[in-house]
N, C-alpha and C. Protein backbone atom coordinates (compact mmCIF):
# COMPACT_ATOMS: atom_id res chain seq x y z
N ARG A 1 0.89 -1.15 -0.04
CA ARG A 1 0.03 0.05 0.06
C ARG A 1 0.84 1.27 -0.05
N VAL A 2 0.40 2.25 -0.62
CA VAL A 2 1.11 3.47 -0.81
C VAL A 2 0.26 4.63 -0.47
N ARG A 3 0.72 5.54 0.32
CA ARG A 3 -0.03 6.81 0.64
C ARG A 3 0.78 7.98 0.05
N ILE A 4 0.00 8.75 -0.68
CA ILE A 4 0.60 9.91 -1.42
C ILE A 4 0.02 11.19 -0.83
N SER A 5 0.82 12.19 -0.42
CA SER A 5 0.35 13.38 0.11
C SER A 5 1.26 14.51 -0.24
N PRO A 6 0.90 15.79 -0.07
CA PRO A 6 1.81 16.90 -0.40
C PRO A 6 3.12 16.82 0.32
N GLU A 7 3.11 16.20 1.49
CA GLU A 7 4.36 16.04 2.35
C GLU A 7 5.29 15.06 1.81
N GLY A 8 4.81 14.05 1.13
CA GLY A 8 5.56 12.96 0.53
C GLY A 8 4.93 11.74 0.40
N LEU A 9 5.63 10.64 0.32
CA LEU A 9 5.10 9.26 0.21
C LEU A 9 5.40 8.37 1.37
N ASN A 10 4.46 7.49 1.71
CA ASN A 10 4.66 6.52 2.70
C ASN A 10 4.15 5.15 2.21
N GLY A 11 5.01 4.22 2.04
CA GLY A 11 4.51 2.89 1.44
C GLY A 11 5.02 1.65 2.12
N VAL A 12 4.31 0.68 1.95
CA VAL A 12 4.64 -0.68 2.50
C VAL A 12 4.45 -1.60 1.35
N LEU A 13 5.50 -2.33 0.94
CA LEU A 13 5.45 -3.18 -0.17
C LEU A 13 5.94 -4.65 0.32
N SER A 14 5.47 -5.58 -0.33
CA SER A 14 6.01 -7.01 -0.07
C SER A 14 6.51 -7.57 -1.38
N GLY A 15 7.36 -8.51 -1.07
CA GLY A 15 7.93 -9.21 -2.31
C GLY A 15 9.28 -9.73 -2.06
N LYS A 16 9.91 -10.40 -3.01
CA LYS A 16 11.22 -10.82 -2.86
C LYS A 16 12.33 -9.67 -2.76
N LEU A 17 13.24 -9.88 -1.88
CA LEU A 17 14.13 -8.82 -1.63
C LEU A 17 14.80 -8.26 -2.89
N GLN A 18 15.26 -9.15 -3.75
CA GLN A 18 15.95 -8.62 -5.01
C GLN A 18 14.91 -7.77 -5.86
N ASP A 19 13.60 -8.15 -5.78
CA ASP A 19 12.62 -7.36 -6.56
C ASP A 19 12.43 -5.87 -5.91
N LEU A 20 12.42 -5.97 -4.54
CA LEU A 20 12.18 -4.74 -3.79
C LEU A 20 13.34 -3.86 -4.01
N LYS A 21 14.58 -4.31 -3.97
CA LYS A 21 15.75 -3.47 -4.16
C LYS A 21 15.80 -2.92 -5.66
N ARG A 22 15.37 -3.66 -6.51
CA ARG A 22 15.28 -3.23 -7.89
C ARG A 22 14.23 -2.09 -8.04
N TYR A 23 13.16 -2.31 -7.38
CA TYR A 23 12.12 -1.22 -7.37
C TYR A 23 12.65 0.05 -6.70
N ALA A 24 13.38 -0.04 -5.53
CA ALA A 24 13.99 1.16 -4.94
C ALA A 24 14.95 1.83 -5.93
N TYR A 25 15.69 1.03 -6.57
CA TYR A 25 16.67 1.67 -7.55
C TYR A 25 15.95 2.32 -8.62
N ASP A 26 14.99 1.72 -9.23
CA ASP A 26 14.16 2.32 -10.29
C ASP A 26 13.42 3.53 -9.80
N LEU A 27 12.86 3.54 -8.58
CA LEU A 27 12.26 4.68 -7.99
C LEU A 27 13.28 5.93 -7.90
N GLU A 28 14.44 5.60 -7.33
CA GLU A 28 15.50 6.67 -7.15
C GLU A 28 15.81 7.18 -8.62
N GLN A 29 15.96 6.40 -9.62
CA GLN A 29 16.21 6.84 -10.95
C GLN A 29 15.15 7.84 -11.51
N GLU A 30 13.86 7.27 -11.27
CA GLU A 30 12.74 8.15 -11.70
C GLU A 30 12.68 9.49 -10.95
N LEU A 31 12.98 9.47 -9.73
CA LEU A 31 13.01 10.78 -8.87
C LEU A 31 14.19 11.71 -9.44
N ASP A 32 15.29 11.15 -9.68
CA ASP A 32 16.34 11.95 -10.33
C ASP A 32 15.86 12.51 -11.64
N ARG A 33 15.20 11.75 -12.43
CA ARG A 33 14.79 12.21 -13.70
C ARG A 33 13.72 13.32 -13.58
N LEU A 34 12.85 13.16 -12.62
CA LEU A 34 11.80 14.22 -12.35
C LEU A 34 12.32 15.51 -11.83
N HIS A 35 13.34 15.33 -10.97
CA HIS A 35 13.98 16.56 -10.37
C HIS A 35 15.27 17.11 -11.18
N ASN A 36 15.49 16.42 -12.20
CA ASN A 36 16.64 16.76 -13.03
C ASN A 36 17.91 16.82 -12.14
N THR A 37 18.19 15.72 -11.41
CA THR A 37 19.34 15.63 -10.47
C THR A 37 20.08 14.35 -10.73
N THR A 38 21.28 14.30 -10.16
CA THR A 38 22.01 13.04 -10.20
C THR A 38 22.25 12.56 -8.66
N GLU A 39 22.75 11.39 -8.56
CA GLU A 39 22.87 10.94 -7.10
C GLU A 39 23.62 11.92 -6.14
N ASN A 40 24.65 12.60 -6.73
CA ASN A 40 25.44 13.60 -5.93
C ASN A 40 24.71 14.91 -5.74
N GLN A 41 23.67 15.18 -6.52
CA GLN A 41 22.87 16.47 -6.53
C GLN A 41 21.61 16.37 -5.79
N ARG A 42 21.20 15.28 -5.26
CA ARG A 42 19.82 15.07 -4.71
C ARG A 42 19.48 16.08 -3.61
N LYS A 43 18.37 16.65 -3.76
CA LYS A 43 17.77 17.50 -2.78
C LYS A 43 16.58 16.83 -2.07
N TRP A 44 16.32 15.62 -2.55
CA TRP A 44 15.16 14.86 -1.93
C TRP A 44 15.76 13.71 -1.13
N ASP A 45 14.93 13.16 -0.26
CA ASP A 45 15.35 12.13 0.68
C ASP A 45 14.45 11.00 0.48
N LEU A 46 15.01 9.75 0.37
CA LEU A 46 14.26 8.59 0.25
C LEU A 46 14.79 7.64 1.31
N ASP A 47 14.02 7.29 2.29
CA ASP A 47 14.37 6.54 3.38
C ASP A 47 13.65 5.06 3.21
N ILE A 48 14.44 4.10 2.87
CA ILE A 48 13.98 2.72 2.68
C ILE A 48 14.44 1.80 3.69
N LYS A 49 13.47 1.01 4.18
CA LYS A 49 13.87 -0.01 5.26
C LYS A 49 13.30 -1.35 4.76
N TYR A 50 14.08 -2.37 5.06
CA TYR A 50 13.73 -3.72 4.74
C TYR A 50 13.53 -4.54 6.01
N CYS A 51 12.54 -5.29 5.97
CA CYS A 51 12.38 -6.17 7.20
C CYS A 51 12.04 -7.60 6.72
N LEU A 52 12.50 -8.62 7.59
CA LEU A 52 12.19 -9.94 7.29
C LEU A 52 10.79 -10.34 7.60
N LEU A 53 10.25 -11.33 7.01
CA LEU A 53 8.89 -11.88 7.36
C LEU A 53 8.98 -12.54 8.72
N ARG A 54 7.87 -12.52 9.37
CA ARG A 54 7.69 -13.25 10.69
C ARG A 54 7.70 -14.64 10.48
N GLU A 55 8.44 -15.52 11.30
CA GLU A 55 8.42 -16.92 11.24
C GLU A 55 7.13 -17.59 11.79
N ASP A 56 6.35 -16.88 12.70
CA ASP A 56 5.18 -17.37 13.23
C ASP A 56 3.89 -17.34 12.44
N ILE A 57 3.94 -16.65 11.23
CA ILE A 57 2.90 -16.41 10.33
C ILE A 57 3.14 -17.08 9.04
N PRO A 58 2.30 -17.75 8.34
CA PRO A 58 2.68 -18.21 7.04
C PRO A 58 3.01 -17.09 6.15
N VAL A 59 3.92 -17.40 5.15
CA VAL A 59 4.34 -16.35 4.21
C VAL A 59 3.20 -15.74 3.48
N GLU A 60 2.31 -16.56 3.00
CA GLU A 60 1.19 -16.15 2.10
C GLU A 60 0.30 -15.14 2.81
N ALA A 61 0.25 -15.25 4.24
CA ALA A 61 -0.61 -14.32 4.94
C ALA A 61 0.05 -12.93 5.07
N GLN A 62 1.37 -12.91 4.82
CA GLN A 62 2.13 -11.62 5.10
C GLN A 62 2.39 -10.87 3.76
N LEU A 63 2.06 -11.47 2.67
CA LEU A 63 2.26 -10.73 1.36
C LEU A 63 0.97 -10.08 0.96
N PHE A 64 1.05 -8.90 0.27
CA PHE A 64 -0.05 -8.22 -0.27
C PHE A 64 -0.43 -8.73 -1.59
N ALA A 65 -1.80 -8.95 -1.73
CA ALA A 65 -2.34 -9.50 -2.90
C ALA A 65 -2.31 -8.50 -4.10
N ASN A 66 -2.44 -7.16 -3.79
CA ASN A 66 -2.55 -6.16 -4.84
C ASN A 66 -1.94 -4.86 -4.22
N LEU A 67 -1.75 -3.95 -5.18
CA LEU A 67 -1.23 -2.64 -4.79
C LEU A 67 -2.25 -1.66 -4.54
N VAL A 68 -2.35 -0.94 -3.48
CA VAL A 68 -3.33 0.02 -3.15
C VAL A 68 -2.62 1.31 -3.03
N ALA A 69 -2.89 2.35 -3.86
CA ALA A 69 -2.36 3.70 -3.71
C ALA A 69 -3.39 4.66 -3.45
N LYS A 70 -3.19 5.47 -2.47
CA LYS A 70 -4.27 6.47 -2.15
C LYS A 70 -3.72 7.84 -1.74
N ALA A 71 -4.45 8.82 -2.20
CA ALA A 71 -4.12 10.23 -1.85
C ALA A 71 -4.52 10.56 -0.46
N THR A 72 -3.81 11.19 0.29
CA THR A 72 -4.09 11.56 1.72
C THR A 72 -3.64 12.98 1.94
N LYS A 73 -4.14 13.48 3.00
CA LYS A 73 -3.70 14.96 3.37
C LYS A 73 -2.36 14.97 4.06
N THR A 74 -2.01 13.95 4.72
CA THR A 74 -0.63 13.87 5.42
C THR A 74 -0.08 12.46 5.23
N VAL A 75 1.28 12.41 5.45
CA VAL A 75 1.90 11.23 5.44
C VAL A 75 1.76 10.59 6.85
N ILE A 76 1.65 9.37 6.93
CA ILE A 76 1.53 8.60 8.22
C ILE A 76 2.71 8.90 9.03
N SER A 77 2.61 9.26 10.23
CA SER A 77 3.75 9.37 11.19
C SER A 77 3.88 8.24 12.20
N LEU A 78 5.10 7.97 12.63
CA LEU A 78 5.31 6.97 13.68
C LEU A 78 4.87 7.60 15.02
N VAL A 79 4.85 8.93 15.16
CA VAL A 79 4.41 9.58 16.34
C VAL A 79 3.00 10.08 16.12
N ASP A 80 2.05 9.69 16.87
CA ASP A 80 0.76 10.14 16.67
C ASP A 80 0.46 11.36 17.53
N THR A 81 0.06 12.42 16.92
CA THR A 81 -0.40 13.57 17.65
C THR A 81 -1.77 13.52 18.14
N ASP A 82 -2.12 14.33 19.26
CA ASP A 82 -3.44 14.31 19.76
C ASP A 82 -4.42 14.58 18.71
N GLU A 83 -4.05 15.55 17.82
CA GLU A 83 -5.07 16.00 16.71
C GLU A 83 -5.31 14.83 15.80
N SER A 84 -4.30 14.11 15.36
CA SER A 84 -4.62 13.06 14.43
C SER A 84 -5.23 11.92 15.04
N GLN A 85 -4.99 11.68 16.37
CA GLN A 85 -5.85 10.64 17.11
C GLN A 85 -7.31 10.99 17.15
N GLN A 86 -7.61 12.30 17.41
CA GLN A 86 -8.94 12.68 17.50
C GLN A 86 -9.66 12.64 16.19
N GLN A 87 -8.90 13.05 15.10
CA GLN A 87 -9.54 13.04 13.70
C GLN A 87 -9.83 11.54 13.35
N ARG A 88 -8.92 10.59 13.67
CA ARG A 88 -9.19 9.13 13.41
C ARG A 88 -10.35 8.68 14.17
N SER A 89 -10.44 9.03 15.42
CA SER A 89 -11.42 8.63 16.31
C SER A 89 -12.85 9.11 15.80
N ASN A 90 -12.83 10.39 15.38
CA ASN A 90 -14.11 10.98 14.82
C ASN A 90 -14.49 10.28 13.51
N ARG A 91 -13.51 9.95 12.65
CA ARG A 91 -13.87 9.17 11.43
C ARG A 91 -14.54 7.85 11.73
N ARG A 92 -13.95 7.15 12.65
CA ARG A 92 -14.36 5.83 13.03
C ARG A 92 -15.86 5.86 13.58
N ARG A 93 -16.10 6.83 14.46
CA ARG A 93 -17.43 7.03 14.94
C ARG A 93 -18.51 7.19 13.86
N LYS A 94 -18.08 8.08 12.88
CA LYS A 94 -19.00 8.42 11.91
C LYS A 94 -19.30 7.27 10.84
N SER A 95 -18.15 6.60 10.54
CA SER A 95 -18.42 5.45 9.56
C SER A 95 -18.88 4.08 10.13
N GLU A 96 -18.41 3.86 11.42
CA GLU A 96 -18.82 2.45 11.93
C GLU A 96 -19.13 2.65 13.40
N PRO A 97 -20.33 3.25 13.82
CA PRO A 97 -20.45 3.39 15.23
C PRO A 97 -20.61 2.06 15.96
N ASN A 98 -20.00 1.92 17.09
CA ASN A 98 -20.18 0.64 17.91
C ASN A 98 -19.65 -0.58 17.36
N LYS A 99 -18.80 -0.52 16.28
CA LYS A 99 -18.26 -1.62 15.62
C LYS A 99 -16.85 -1.78 16.07
N VAL A 100 -16.46 -2.91 16.54
CA VAL A 100 -15.17 -3.24 16.98
C VAL A 100 -14.53 -4.32 15.99
N PRO A 101 -13.36 -3.97 15.40
CA PRO A 101 -12.69 -4.88 14.52
C PRO A 101 -12.38 -6.17 15.07
N ASN A 102 -12.55 -7.29 14.29
CA ASN A 102 -12.29 -8.64 14.78
C ASN A 102 -10.75 -8.91 14.61
N ASN A 103 -9.99 -8.10 13.85
CA ASN A 103 -8.59 -8.33 13.68
C ASN A 103 -7.79 -7.94 14.83
N PRO A 104 -7.01 -8.91 15.42
CA PRO A 104 -6.17 -8.60 16.50
C PRO A 104 -4.96 -7.57 16.26
N HIS A 105 -4.81 -7.47 14.92
CA HIS A 105 -3.52 -6.68 14.54
C HIS A 105 -4.06 -5.17 14.14
N PHE A 106 -5.28 -4.97 14.37
CA PHE A 106 -5.88 -3.59 14.04
C PHE A 106 -5.27 -2.55 14.87
N VAL A 107 -4.91 -1.48 14.22
CA VAL A 107 -4.20 -0.28 14.85
C VAL A 107 -5.13 0.88 14.68
């Protein structure tokens, strides 16, 4: 899944490590092309992290079946502000009152 906002991009992809590294390389090349820069001239930042799959969950359950890209107002942050918590809480109440998700990994 990929979130696109005026602040930047935030994405989580799954796949084989060699394919993900190729994607990262291609993305860097495309950003250089769009910004008319080279690796030494970059004024943009791309922070990529790789993680291993969990051993306690089947591989198939951890892979994404499709790519979802969505425009948002802000990029998701690891630090949740009071304002964003309140906005999310209000959205949940409006869309699904009194409904609790069954997924134990729901955040």
